[in-house]
């Protein structure tokens, strides 16, 4: 597993270097009134006491830039993994999150847009026999690397907090982490 993480970590490093060293064309990105949508792959690392193993999944997002640097975004993702306490149980987690995204428009780089994000939503955890739905709070950040004026790669790292409930998970609060890599597309907005 460690080798796979090293290999997958090379891709974002190469993309960031390419964006930083490449020619800087004037890129139309993160405009007032523009829409952004995309899909992503993710790895979720859960608190050890939650009995949820590290799992892989996918999701989609759509966001509206009411200002170039300010965006409201809806994320939906689903992850499936093993139960660390009982190998016969397969755990499925679905998250619905409304996020505020603050983009930092860099003047020196037309290709990169770093951002921070804060959100609130719901997490549903299902072990095949029982399920729970709880509120989650999340915060994180990342960067968008624009390959063309309206298409880019997006890398996010976020932490989220939620509370468990028997019989699906133990009761305490858990801190968990998501790392995502996906494509993002931009349309509409000011010309």
N, C-alpha and C. Protein backbone atom coordinates (compact mmCIF):
# COMPACT_ATOMS: atom_id res chain seq x y z
N UNK A 1 0.83 -1.20 0.00
CA UNK A 1 0.00 0.00 0.00
C UNK A 1 0.87 1.26 0.00
N UNK A 2 1.98 1.21 0.75
CA UNK A 2 2.87 2.36 0.83
C UNK A 2 3.43 2.70 -0.55
N UNK A 3 3.78 1.69 -1.34
CA UNK A 3 4.31 1.91 -2.68
C UNK A 3 3.27 2.59 -3.57
N UNK A 4 2.02 2.17 -3.44
CA UNK A 4 0.95 2.79 -4.24
C UNK A 4 0.78 4.26 -3.89
N UNK A 5 0.89 4.61 -2.62
CA UNK A 5 0.78 6.02 -2.22
C UNK A 5 1.92 6.83 -2.82
N UNK A 6 3.15 6.25 -2.83
CA UNK A 6 4.27 6.97 -3.42
C UNK A 6 4.05 7.20 -4.90
N UNK A 7 3.56 6.18 -5.60
CA UNK A 7 3.32 6.31 -7.03
C UNK A 7 2.23 7.34 -7.31
N UNK A 8 1.13 7.29 -6.57
CA UNK A 8 0.04 8.23 -6.82
C UNK A 8 0.42 9.64 -6.41
N UNK A 9 1.38 9.80 -5.50
CA UNK A 9 1.84 11.12 -5.10
C UNK A 9 2.68 11.80 -6.16
N UNK A 10 3.24 11.02 -7.08
CA UNK A 10 4.07 11.58 -8.15
C UNK A 10 3.23 12.39 -9.12
N UNK A 11 2.02 11.95 -9.41
CA UNK A 11 1.16 12.62 -10.38
C UNK A 11 0.89 14.07 -9.98
N UNK A 12 0.41 14.36 -8.75
CA UNK A 12 0.19 15.77 -8.39
C UNK A 12 1.46 16.61 -8.43
N UNK A 13 2.60 16.04 -8.02
CA UNK A 13 3.86 16.78 -8.04
C UNK A 13 4.23 17.17 -9.47
N UNK A 14 4.08 16.24 -10.41
CA UNK A 14 4.39 16.52 -11.82
C UNK A 14 3.45 17.59 -12.36
N UNK A 15 2.16 17.51 -12.04
CA UNK A 15 1.20 18.51 -12.52
C UNK A 15 1.49 19.89 -11.96
N UNK A 16 1.84 19.98 -10.69
CA UNK A 16 2.16 21.27 -10.08
C UNK A 16 3.42 21.86 -10.71
N UNK A 17 4.45 21.03 -10.91
CA UNK A 17 5.68 21.51 -11.54
C UNK A 17 5.42 21.97 -12.97
N UNK A 18 4.62 21.21 -13.72
CA UNK A 18 4.30 21.58 -15.10
C UNK A 18 3.57 22.91 -15.14
N UNK A 19 2.61 23.10 -14.21
CA UNK A 19 1.86 24.35 -14.18
C UNK A 19 2.74 25.53 -13.78
N UNK A 20 3.64 25.30 -12.84
CA UNK A 20 4.49 26.39 -12.37
C UNK A 20 5.55 26.78 -13.40
N UNK A 21 6.06 25.82 -14.14
CA UNK A 21 7.14 26.10 -15.09
C UNK A 21 6.64 26.38 -16.50
N UNK A 22 5.41 26.03 -16.79
CA UNK A 22 4.88 26.20 -18.14
C UNK A 22 4.67 27.67 -18.48
N UNK A 23 4.41 27.93 -19.77
CA UNK A 23 4.18 29.30 -20.18
C UNK A 23 2.90 29.80 -19.52
N UNK A 24 2.87 31.05 -19.19
CA UNK A 24 1.70 31.57 -18.48
C UNK A 24 0.79 32.29 -19.47
N UNK A 25 -0.17 31.57 -19.98
CA UNK A 25 -1.18 32.17 -20.84
C UNK A 25 -2.23 32.82 -19.96
N UNK A 26 -2.98 33.72 -20.50
CA UNK A 26 -4.07 34.33 -19.74
C UNK A 26 -5.21 33.33 -19.66
N UNK A 27 -5.44 32.80 -18.48
CA UNK A 27 -6.44 31.77 -18.31
C UNK A 27 -7.71 32.37 -17.73
N UNK A 28 -8.85 32.03 -18.34
CA UNK A 28 -10.15 32.45 -17.82
C UNK A 28 -10.50 31.47 -16.71
N UNK A 29 -10.47 31.91 -15.48
CA UNK A 29 -10.72 30.99 -14.37
C UNK A 29 -11.41 31.72 -13.23
N UNK A 30 -12.21 31.01 -12.49
CA UNK A 30 -12.85 31.53 -11.28
C UNK A 30 -13.39 32.94 -11.47
N UNK A 31 -14.32 33.11 -12.41
CA UNK A 31 -14.93 34.41 -12.68
C UNK A 31 -16.16 34.63 -11.81
N UNK A 32 -16.55 35.91 -11.66
CA UNK A 32 -17.82 36.22 -11.00
C UNK A 32 -18.95 35.56 -11.79
N UNK A 33 -19.83 34.89 -11.10
CA UNK A 33 -20.99 34.29 -11.74
C UNK A 33 -20.72 33.02 -12.53
N UNK A 34 -19.54 32.45 -12.43
CA UNK A 34 -19.25 31.22 -13.18
C UNK A 34 -19.64 29.98 -12.37
N UNK A 35 -19.85 28.90 -13.06
CA UNK A 35 -20.17 27.61 -12.47
C UNK A 35 -18.97 26.69 -12.63
N UNK A 36 -18.76 25.84 -11.65
CA UNK A 36 -17.67 24.87 -11.71
C UNK A 36 -18.24 23.51 -11.33
N UNK A 37 -17.87 22.49 -12.08
CA UNK A 37 -18.30 21.14 -11.74
C UNK A 37 -17.17 20.17 -12.01
N UNK A 38 -17.26 19.00 -11.41
CA UNK A 38 -16.21 18.02 -11.62
C UNK A 38 -16.48 16.72 -10.90
N UNK A 39 -15.60 15.77 -11.14
CA UNK A 39 -15.66 14.47 -10.50
C UNK A 39 -14.28 14.18 -9.91
N UNK A 40 -14.24 13.32 -8.90
CA UNK A 40 -12.96 13.06 -8.24
C UNK A 40 -12.91 11.64 -7.68
N UNK A 41 -11.69 11.16 -7.50
CA UNK A 41 -11.40 9.93 -6.78
C UNK A 41 -10.85 10.33 -5.43
N UNK A 42 -11.09 9.51 -4.43
CA UNK A 42 -10.68 9.90 -3.08
C UNK A 42 -10.22 8.72 -2.26
N UNK A 43 -9.42 9.03 -1.26
CA UNK A 43 -9.02 8.08 -0.24
C UNK A 43 -9.44 8.66 1.10
N UNK A 44 -10.16 7.89 1.89
CA UNK A 44 -10.63 8.34 3.19
C UNK A 44 -9.94 7.55 4.29
N UNK A 45 -9.38 8.27 5.25
CA UNK A 45 -8.73 7.66 6.41
C UNK A 45 -9.57 8.00 7.62
N UNK A 46 -10.11 6.96 8.27
CA UNK A 46 -11.00 7.15 9.40
C UNK A 46 -10.27 6.95 10.71
N UNK A 47 -10.80 7.56 11.76
CA UNK A 47 -10.29 7.38 13.11
C UNK A 47 -10.26 5.88 13.43
N UNK A 48 -9.16 5.40 14.03
CA UNK A 48 -9.03 3.96 14.32
C UNK A 48 -10.15 3.42 15.19
N UNK A 49 -10.64 4.21 16.13
CA UNK A 49 -11.68 3.73 17.04
C UNK A 49 -13.06 3.66 16.39
N UNK A 50 -13.19 4.12 15.13
CA UNK A 50 -14.48 4.06 14.44
C UNK A 50 -14.73 2.69 13.82
N UNK A 51 -13.71 1.83 13.77
CA UNK A 51 -13.75 0.50 13.16
C UNK A 51 -13.93 0.56 11.64
N UNK A 52 -13.67 1.72 11.03
CA UNK A 52 -13.74 1.85 9.58
C UNK A 52 -12.33 1.86 9.01
N UNK A 53 -12.06 0.98 8.07
CA UNK A 53 -10.74 0.90 7.46
C UNK A 53 -10.56 2.02 6.44
N UNK A 54 -9.32 2.35 6.13
CA UNK A 54 -9.04 3.29 5.04
C UNK A 54 -9.68 2.76 3.78
N UNK A 55 -10.36 3.63 3.04
CA UNK A 55 -11.16 3.18 1.90
C UNK A 55 -11.02 4.13 0.73
N UNK A 56 -11.28 3.59 -0.45
CA UNK A 56 -11.25 4.37 -1.69
C UNK A 56 -12.68 4.60 -2.17
N UNK A 57 -12.90 5.73 -2.85
CA UNK A 57 -14.23 6.03 -3.36
C UNK A 57 -14.17 7.08 -4.44
N UNK A 58 -15.34 7.64 -4.74
CA UNK A 58 -15.45 8.65 -5.80
C UNK A 58 -16.57 9.61 -5.43
N UNK A 59 -16.58 10.75 -6.12
CA UNK A 59 -17.62 11.72 -5.86
C UNK A 59 -17.74 12.73 -6.99
N UNK A 60 -18.73 13.60 -6.83
CA UNK A 60 -18.97 14.70 -7.78
C UNK A 60 -19.17 15.98 -6.99
N UNK A 61 -18.94 17.11 -7.67
CA UNK A 61 -19.16 18.40 -7.02
C UNK A 61 -19.64 19.41 -8.05
N UNK A 62 -20.39 20.37 -7.56
CA UNK A 62 -20.82 21.50 -8.40
C UNK A 62 -20.77 22.74 -7.51
N UNK A 63 -20.25 23.83 -8.07
CA UNK A 63 -20.11 25.05 -7.30
C UNK A 63 -20.47 26.28 -8.12
N UNK A 64 -20.86 27.34 -7.42
CA UNK A 64 -21.19 28.61 -8.06
C UNK A 64 -20.30 29.69 -7.46
N UNK A 65 -19.60 30.46 -8.31
CA UNK A 65 -18.73 31.55 -7.89
C UNK A 65 -19.56 32.83 -7.84
N UNK A 66 -20.04 33.21 -6.65
CA UNK A 66 -20.78 34.47 -6.58
C UNK A 66 -19.81 35.65 -6.61
N UNK A 67 -18.54 35.45 -6.35
CA UNK A 67 -17.42 36.36 -6.61
C UNK A 67 -16.29 35.47 -7.09
N UNK A 68 -15.30 36.04 -7.77
CA UNK A 68 -14.20 35.22 -8.29
C UNK A 68 -13.52 34.41 -7.18
N UNK A 69 -13.37 35.01 -6.01
CA UNK A 69 -12.67 34.33 -4.92
C UNK A 69 -13.60 33.61 -3.96
N UNK A 70 -14.90 33.75 -4.13
CA UNK A 70 -15.85 33.17 -3.17
C UNK A 70 -16.81 32.24 -3.91
N UNK A 71 -16.90 31.02 -3.40
CA UNK A 71 -17.67 29.99 -4.10
C UNK A 71 -18.48 29.18 -3.08
N UNK A 72 -19.67 28.81 -3.47
CA UNK A 72 -20.50 27.89 -2.70
C UNK A 72 -20.57 26.59 -3.48
N UNK A 73 -20.33 25.47 -2.82
CA UNK A 73 -20.15 24.21 -3.53
C UNK A 73 -20.88 23.08 -2.81
N UNK A 74 -21.46 22.18 -3.60
CA UNK A 74 -22.10 20.98 -3.09
C UNK A 74 -21.27 19.77 -3.51
N UNK A 75 -20.85 18.96 -2.53
CA UNK A 75 -20.08 17.74 -2.78
C UNK A 75 -20.90 16.53 -2.37
N UNK A 76 -20.85 15.49 -3.20
CA UNK A 76 -21.48 14.21 -2.88
C UNK A 76 -20.44 13.14 -3.17
N UNK A 77 -20.13 12.30 -2.17
CA UNK A 77 -19.15 11.24 -2.41
C UNK A 77 -19.56 9.96 -1.69
N UNK A 78 -19.02 8.86 -2.19
CA UNK A 78 -19.32 7.54 -1.62
C UNK A 78 -18.03 6.74 -1.55
N UNK A 79 -17.83 6.11 -0.39
CA UNK A 79 -16.63 5.32 -0.11
C UNK A 79 -17.07 3.98 0.45
N UNK A 80 -16.40 2.91 0.05
CA UNK A 80 -16.67 1.58 0.59
C UNK A 80 -15.38 0.96 1.09
N UNK A 81 -15.44 0.37 2.28
CA UNK A 81 -14.26 -0.25 2.88
C UNK A 81 -14.65 -1.31 3.88
N UNK A 82 -13.66 -1.94 4.48
CA UNK A 82 -13.88 -3.01 5.43
C UNK A 82 -14.10 -2.47 6.84
N UNK A 83 -14.74 -3.29 7.65
CA UNK A 83 -14.85 -3.03 9.07
C UNK A 83 -13.62 -3.66 9.72
N UNK A 84 -12.86 -2.90 10.50
CA UNK A 84 -11.62 -3.42 11.08
C UNK A 84 -11.88 -4.38 12.23
N UNK A 85 -13.08 -4.38 12.78
CA UNK A 85 -13.39 -5.26 13.91
C UNK A 85 -14.03 -6.56 13.43
N UNK A 86 -14.78 -6.53 12.34
CA UNK A 86 -15.50 -7.70 11.83
C UNK A 86 -15.29 -7.78 10.31
N UNK A 87 -14.47 -8.74 9.87
CA UNK A 87 -14.14 -8.86 8.44
C UNK A 87 -15.34 -9.19 7.55
N UNK A 88 -16.41 -9.68 8.13
CA UNK A 88 -17.57 -10.05 7.32
C UNK A 88 -18.43 -8.83 6.95
N UNK A 89 -18.18 -7.68 7.59
CA UNK A 89 -18.97 -6.48 7.31
C UNK A 89 -18.26 -5.57 6.31
N UNK A 90 -18.98 -5.13 5.33
CA UNK A 90 -18.49 -4.15 4.35
C UNK A 90 -19.18 -2.83 4.67
N UNK A 91 -18.39 -1.79 4.91
CA UNK A 91 -18.93 -0.50 5.31
C UNK A 91 -19.03 0.43 4.11
N UNK A 92 -20.14 1.16 4.01
CA UNK A 92 -20.36 2.13 2.95
C UNK A 92 -20.65 3.47 3.60
N UNK A 93 -19.91 4.51 3.19
CA UNK A 93 -20.11 5.85 3.73
C UNK A 93 -20.47 6.79 2.57
N UNK A 94 -21.53 7.53 2.76
CA UNK A 94 -21.95 8.54 1.77
C UNK A 94 -22.00 9.88 2.47
N UNK A 95 -21.37 10.89 1.87
CA UNK A 95 -21.36 12.23 2.45
C UNK A 95 -22.00 13.22 1.48
N UNK A 96 -22.81 14.12 2.04
CA UNK A 96 -23.40 15.24 1.32
C UNK A 96 -22.95 16.48 2.07
N UNK A 97 -22.22 17.37 1.41
CA UNK A 97 -21.65 18.52 2.10
C UNK A 97 -21.84 19.80 1.30
N UNK A 98 -22.25 20.85 1.99
CA UNK A 98 -22.31 22.19 1.42
C UNK A 98 -21.08 22.94 1.92
N UNK A 99 -20.22 23.37 1.00
CA UNK A 99 -18.94 23.99 1.36
C UNK A 99 -18.88 25.45 0.91
N UNK A 100 -18.19 26.25 1.72
CA UNK A 100 -17.78 27.58 1.30
C UNK A 100 -16.32 27.45 0.89
N UNK A 101 -15.98 27.89 -0.32
CA UNK A 101 -14.62 27.80 -0.84
C UNK A 101 -14.10 29.21 -1.04
N UNK A 102 -12.94 29.51 -0.45
CA UNK A 102 -12.29 30.80 -0.64
C UNK A 102 -11.06 30.58 -1.53
N UNK A 103 -11.12 31.07 -2.77
CA UNK A 103 -10.04 30.93 -3.75
C UNK A 103 -9.05 32.08 -3.60
N UNK A 104 -7.78 31.78 -3.73
CA UNK A 104 -6.73 32.81 -3.70
C UNK A 104 -6.21 32.98 -5.11
N UNK A 105 -6.54 34.10 -5.72
CA UNK A 105 -6.15 34.38 -7.10
C UNK A 105 -4.71 34.91 -7.08
N UNK A 106 -3.77 34.12 -7.59
CA UNK A 106 -2.36 34.50 -7.60
C UNK A 106 -2.06 35.31 -8.85
N UNK A 107 -1.37 36.42 -8.69
CA UNK A 107 -1.04 37.25 -9.84
C UNK A 107 0.14 36.72 -10.62
N UNK A 108 1.06 36.02 -9.97
CA UNK A 108 2.24 35.52 -10.66
C UNK A 108 1.96 34.24 -11.44
N UNK A 109 0.95 33.49 -11.03
CA UNK A 109 0.66 32.23 -11.70
C UNK A 109 -0.77 32.24 -12.23
N UNK A 110 -0.90 32.16 -13.52
CA UNK A 110 -2.22 32.11 -14.13
C UNK A 110 -2.78 30.70 -14.12
N UNK A 111 -1.97 29.72 -13.80
CA UNK A 111 -2.40 28.33 -13.88
C UNK A 111 -2.87 27.74 -12.55
N UNK A 112 -2.46 28.30 -11.45
CA UNK A 112 -2.77 27.70 -10.15
C UNK A 112 -3.69 28.60 -9.33
N UNK A 113 -4.65 27.98 -8.66
CA UNK A 113 -5.55 28.67 -7.74
C UNK A 113 -5.62 27.89 -6.44
N UNK A 114 -4.83 28.27 -5.43
CA UNK A 114 -4.97 27.61 -4.12
C UNK A 114 -6.28 28.05 -3.46
N UNK A 115 -6.79 27.23 -2.55
CA UNK A 115 -8.05 27.56 -1.89
C UNK A 115 -8.11 26.90 -0.52
N UNK A 116 -9.00 27.44 0.32
CA UNK A 116 -9.38 26.79 1.57
C UNK A 116 -10.88 26.58 1.53
N UNK A 117 -11.36 25.59 2.28
CA UNK A 117 -12.77 25.27 2.25
C UNK A 117 -13.28 24.90 3.64
N UNK A 118 -14.51 25.27 3.93
CA UNK A 118 -15.20 24.93 5.17
C UNK A 118 -16.59 24.46 4.81
N UNK A 119 -17.09 23.41 5.49
CA UNK A 119 -18.40 22.92 5.12
C UNK A 119 -19.13 22.22 6.25
N UNK A 120 -20.40 22.01 5.99
CA UNK A 120 -21.28 21.27 6.91
C UNK A 120 -22.13 20.35 6.05
N UNK A 121 -22.42 19.18 6.60
CA UNK A 121 -23.22 18.24 5.82
C UNK A 121 -23.65 17.04 6.63
N UNK A 122 -23.95 15.97 5.92
CA UNK A 122 -24.42 14.72 6.53
C UNK A 122 -23.53 13.57 6.06
N UNK A 123 -23.27 12.63 6.96
CA UNK A 123 -22.59 11.40 6.61
C UNK A 123 -23.52 10.24 6.95
N UNK A 124 -23.67 9.33 6.02
CA UNK A 124 -24.46 8.12 6.24
C UNK A 124 -23.49 6.95 6.22
N UNK A 125 -23.49 6.16 7.29
CA UNK A 125 -22.63 4.98 7.39
C UNK A 125 -23.54 3.76 7.46
N UNK A 126 -23.30 2.81 6.55
CA UNK A 126 -24.13 1.61 6.44
C UNK A 126 -23.22 0.39 6.48
N UNK A 127 -23.54 -0.57 7.37
CA UNK A 127 -22.71 -1.78 7.44
C UNK A 127 -23.41 -3.01 6.84
N UNK A 128 -24.49 -2.79 6.12
CA UNK A 128 -25.21 -3.89 5.48
C UNK A 128 -26.41 -4.36 6.27
N UNK A 129 -26.40 -4.15 7.58
CA UNK A 129 -27.55 -4.53 8.41
C UNK A 129 -28.17 -3.32 9.11
N UNK A 130 -27.34 -2.36 9.46
CA UNK A 130 -27.80 -1.13 10.12
C UNK A 130 -27.14 0.07 9.47
N UNK A 131 -27.73 1.24 9.66
CA UNK A 131 -27.10 2.46 9.16
C UNK A 131 -27.39 3.61 10.13
N UNK A 132 -26.51 4.61 10.07
CA UNK A 132 -26.69 5.84 10.85
C UNK A 132 -26.47 7.03 9.93
N UNK A 133 -27.09 8.15 10.25
CA UNK A 133 -26.85 9.39 9.54
C UNK A 133 -26.54 10.45 10.60
N UNK A 134 -25.40 11.11 10.43
CA UNK A 134 -24.94 12.09 11.40
C UNK A 134 -24.48 13.36 10.68
N UNK A 135 -24.46 14.47 11.42
CA UNK A 135 -23.94 15.73 10.91
C UNK A 135 -22.42 15.68 10.91
N UNK A 136 -21.81 16.29 9.89
CA UNK A 136 -20.35 16.39 9.86
C UNK A 136 -19.94 17.83 9.61
N UNK A 137 -18.80 18.18 10.13
CA UNK A 137 -18.16 19.48 9.88
C UNK A 137 -16.83 19.19 9.21
N UNK A 138 -16.50 19.96 8.17
CA UNK A 138 -15.23 19.70 7.47
C UNK A 138 -14.50 20.98 7.16
N UNK A 139 -13.18 20.87 7.05
CA UNK A 139 -12.32 22.00 6.69
C UNK A 139 -11.09 21.44 5.98
N UNK A 140 -10.56 22.23 5.06
CA UNK A 140 -9.38 21.77 4.35
C UNK A 140 -8.92 22.78 3.34
N UNK A 141 -8.17 22.29 2.37
CA UNK A 141 -7.65 23.16 1.34
C UNK A 141 -7.09 22.36 0.19
N UNK A 142 -6.56 23.08 -0.77
CA UNK A 142 -5.99 22.41 -1.93
C UNK A 142 -5.63 23.41 -3.00
N UNK A 143 -5.54 22.92 -4.22
CA UNK A 143 -5.23 23.78 -5.35
C UNK A 143 -5.90 23.28 -6.61
N UNK A 144 -6.21 24.21 -7.48
CA UNK A 144 -6.71 23.90 -8.82
C UNK A 144 -5.59 24.26 -9.78
N UNK A 145 -5.28 23.35 -10.67
CA UNK A 145 -4.24 23.57 -11.67
C UNK A 145 -4.92 23.58 -13.02
N UNK A 146 -4.98 24.75 -13.67
CA UNK A 146 -5.71 24.92 -14.92
C UNK A 146 -4.86 24.47 -16.09
N UNK A 147 -5.33 23.46 -16.81
CA UNK A 147 -4.64 22.94 -17.99
C UNK A 147 -5.06 23.68 -19.24
N UNK A 148 -6.32 24.12 -19.29
CA UNK A 148 -6.85 24.94 -20.37
C UNK A 148 -7.67 26.04 -19.69
N UNK A 149 -8.20 27.00 -20.44
CA UNK A 149 -8.99 28.05 -19.79
C UNK A 149 -10.21 27.55 -19.01
N UNK A 150 -10.72 26.39 -19.35
CA UNK A 150 -11.94 25.93 -18.67
C UNK A 150 -11.85 24.51 -18.14
N UNK A 151 -10.66 23.93 -18.07
CA UNK A 151 -10.49 22.58 -17.55
C UNK A 151 -9.23 22.52 -16.70
N UNK A 152 -9.35 21.85 -15.56
CA UNK A 152 -8.20 21.76 -14.67
C UNK A 152 -8.21 20.51 -13.82
N UNK A 153 -7.14 20.34 -13.08
CA UNK A 153 -6.99 19.26 -12.11
C UNK A 153 -7.16 19.89 -10.74
N UNK A 154 -7.87 19.21 -9.86
CA UNK A 154 -8.10 19.74 -8.51
C UNK A 154 -7.62 18.72 -7.48
N UNK A 155 -6.84 19.21 -6.52
CA UNK A 155 -6.31 18.38 -5.44
C UNK A 155 -6.81 18.96 -4.13
N UNK A 156 -7.46 18.14 -3.30
CA UNK A 156 -7.99 18.58 -2.01
C UNK A 156 -7.47 17.67 -0.90
N UNK A 157 -7.29 18.25 0.28
CA UNK A 157 -7.05 17.48 1.51
C UNK A 157 -7.96 18.12 2.56
N UNK A 158 -8.82 17.30 3.17
CA UNK A 158 -9.78 17.83 4.13
C UNK A 158 -9.88 16.93 5.35
N UNK A 159 -10.15 17.54 6.49
CA UNK A 159 -10.46 16.82 7.72
C UNK A 159 -11.93 17.03 8.01
N UNK A 160 -12.58 15.99 8.55
CA UNK A 160 -13.97 16.17 8.95
C UNK A 160 -14.24 15.49 10.27
N UNK A 161 -15.18 16.05 11.02
CA UNK A 161 -15.55 15.57 12.35
C UNK A 161 -17.00 15.12 12.33
N UNK A 162 -17.26 13.95 12.90
CA UNK A 162 -18.61 13.43 13.00
C UNK A 162 -18.71 12.56 14.24
N UNK A 163 -19.92 12.21 14.62
CA UNK A 163 -20.17 11.43 15.83
C UNK A 163 -20.76 10.08 15.46
N UNK A 164 -20.21 9.03 16.03
CA UNK A 164 -20.70 7.68 15.77
C UNK A 164 -21.94 7.33 16.58
N UNK A 165 -22.48 6.16 16.31
CA UNK A 165 -23.65 5.67 17.06
C UNK A 165 -23.74 4.16 16.93
N UNK A 166 -23.91 3.44 18.04
CA UNK A 166 -24.10 1.99 17.95
C UNK A 166 -25.40 1.67 17.23
N UNK A 167 -25.54 0.55 16.59
CA UNK A 167 -24.61 -0.57 16.53
C UNK A 167 -23.63 -0.48 15.36
N UNK A 168 -23.69 0.57 14.55
CA UNK A 168 -22.84 0.66 13.37
C UNK A 168 -21.40 1.01 13.74
N UNK A 169 -21.23 2.01 14.58
CA UNK A 169 -19.90 2.43 15.05
C UNK A 169 -20.00 2.73 16.54
N UNK A 170 -18.87 2.87 17.23
CA UNK A 170 -18.92 3.33 18.62
C UNK A 170 -19.47 4.76 18.69
N UNK A 171 -19.79 5.22 19.88
CA UNK A 171 -20.47 6.49 20.07
C UNK A 171 -19.62 7.75 19.98
N UNK A 172 -18.33 7.76 20.28
CA UNK A 172 -17.62 9.04 20.40
C UNK A 172 -17.49 9.82 19.08
N UNK A 173 -16.97 11.04 19.21
CA UNK A 173 -16.70 11.87 18.04
C UNK A 173 -15.45 11.34 17.34
N UNK A 174 -15.46 11.42 16.02
CA UNK A 174 -14.33 10.94 15.23
C UNK A 174 -13.81 12.05 14.35
N UNK A 175 -12.50 12.05 14.14
CA UNK A 175 -11.88 12.92 13.15
C UNK A 175 -11.39 12.02 12.03
N UNK A 176 -11.70 12.38 10.81
CA UNK A 176 -11.34 11.58 9.64
C UNK A 176 -10.77 12.52 8.57
N UNK A 177 -10.10 11.93 7.57
CA UNK A 177 -9.42 12.72 6.54
C UNK A 177 -9.74 12.20 5.16
N UNK A 178 -9.91 13.11 4.21
CA UNK A 178 -10.10 12.78 2.80
C UNK A 178 -8.98 13.42 1.99
N UNK A 179 -8.47 12.68 1.04
CA UNK A 179 -7.55 13.21 0.03
C UNK A 179 -8.18 12.93 -1.32
N UNK A 180 -8.38 13.97 -2.14
CA UNK A 180 -9.06 13.78 -3.43
C UNK A 180 -8.20 14.30 -4.58
N UNK A 181 -8.39 13.67 -5.72
CA UNK A 181 -7.75 14.08 -6.96
C UNK A 181 -8.81 13.97 -8.04
N UNK A 182 -9.07 15.07 -8.75
CA UNK A 182 -10.13 15.02 -9.75
C UNK A 182 -9.98 16.08 -10.82
N UNK A 183 -10.92 16.07 -11.73
CA UNK A 183 -10.98 17.05 -12.81
C UNK A 183 -12.03 18.10 -12.44
N UNK A 184 -11.80 19.33 -12.89
CA UNK A 184 -12.77 20.39 -12.67
C UNK A 184 -12.97 21.15 -13.97
N UNK A 185 -14.21 21.57 -14.20
CA UNK A 185 -14.58 22.27 -15.43
C UNK A 185 -15.31 23.55 -15.05
N UNK A 186 -15.03 24.61 -15.79
CA UNK A 186 -15.57 25.93 -15.50
C UNK A 186 -16.37 26.42 -16.72
N UNK A 187 -17.54 27.01 -16.47
CA UNK A 187 -18.30 27.60 -17.56
C UNK A 187 -19.12 28.77 -17.06
N UNK A 188 -19.50 29.64 -17.99
CA UNK A 188 -20.33 30.80 -17.66
C UNK A 188 -19.51 31.91 -17.01
N UNK A 189 -20.21 32.89 -16.47
CA UNK A 189 -19.56 33.98 -15.76
C UNK A 189 -19.16 35.13 -16.67
N UNK A 190 -18.43 36.07 -16.06
CA UNK A 190 -18.00 37.28 -16.77
C UNK A 190 -17.03 36.93 -17.88
N UNK A 191 -17.10 37.66 -18.97
CA UNK A 191 -16.20 37.44 -20.12
C UNK A 191 -15.04 38.42 -20.06
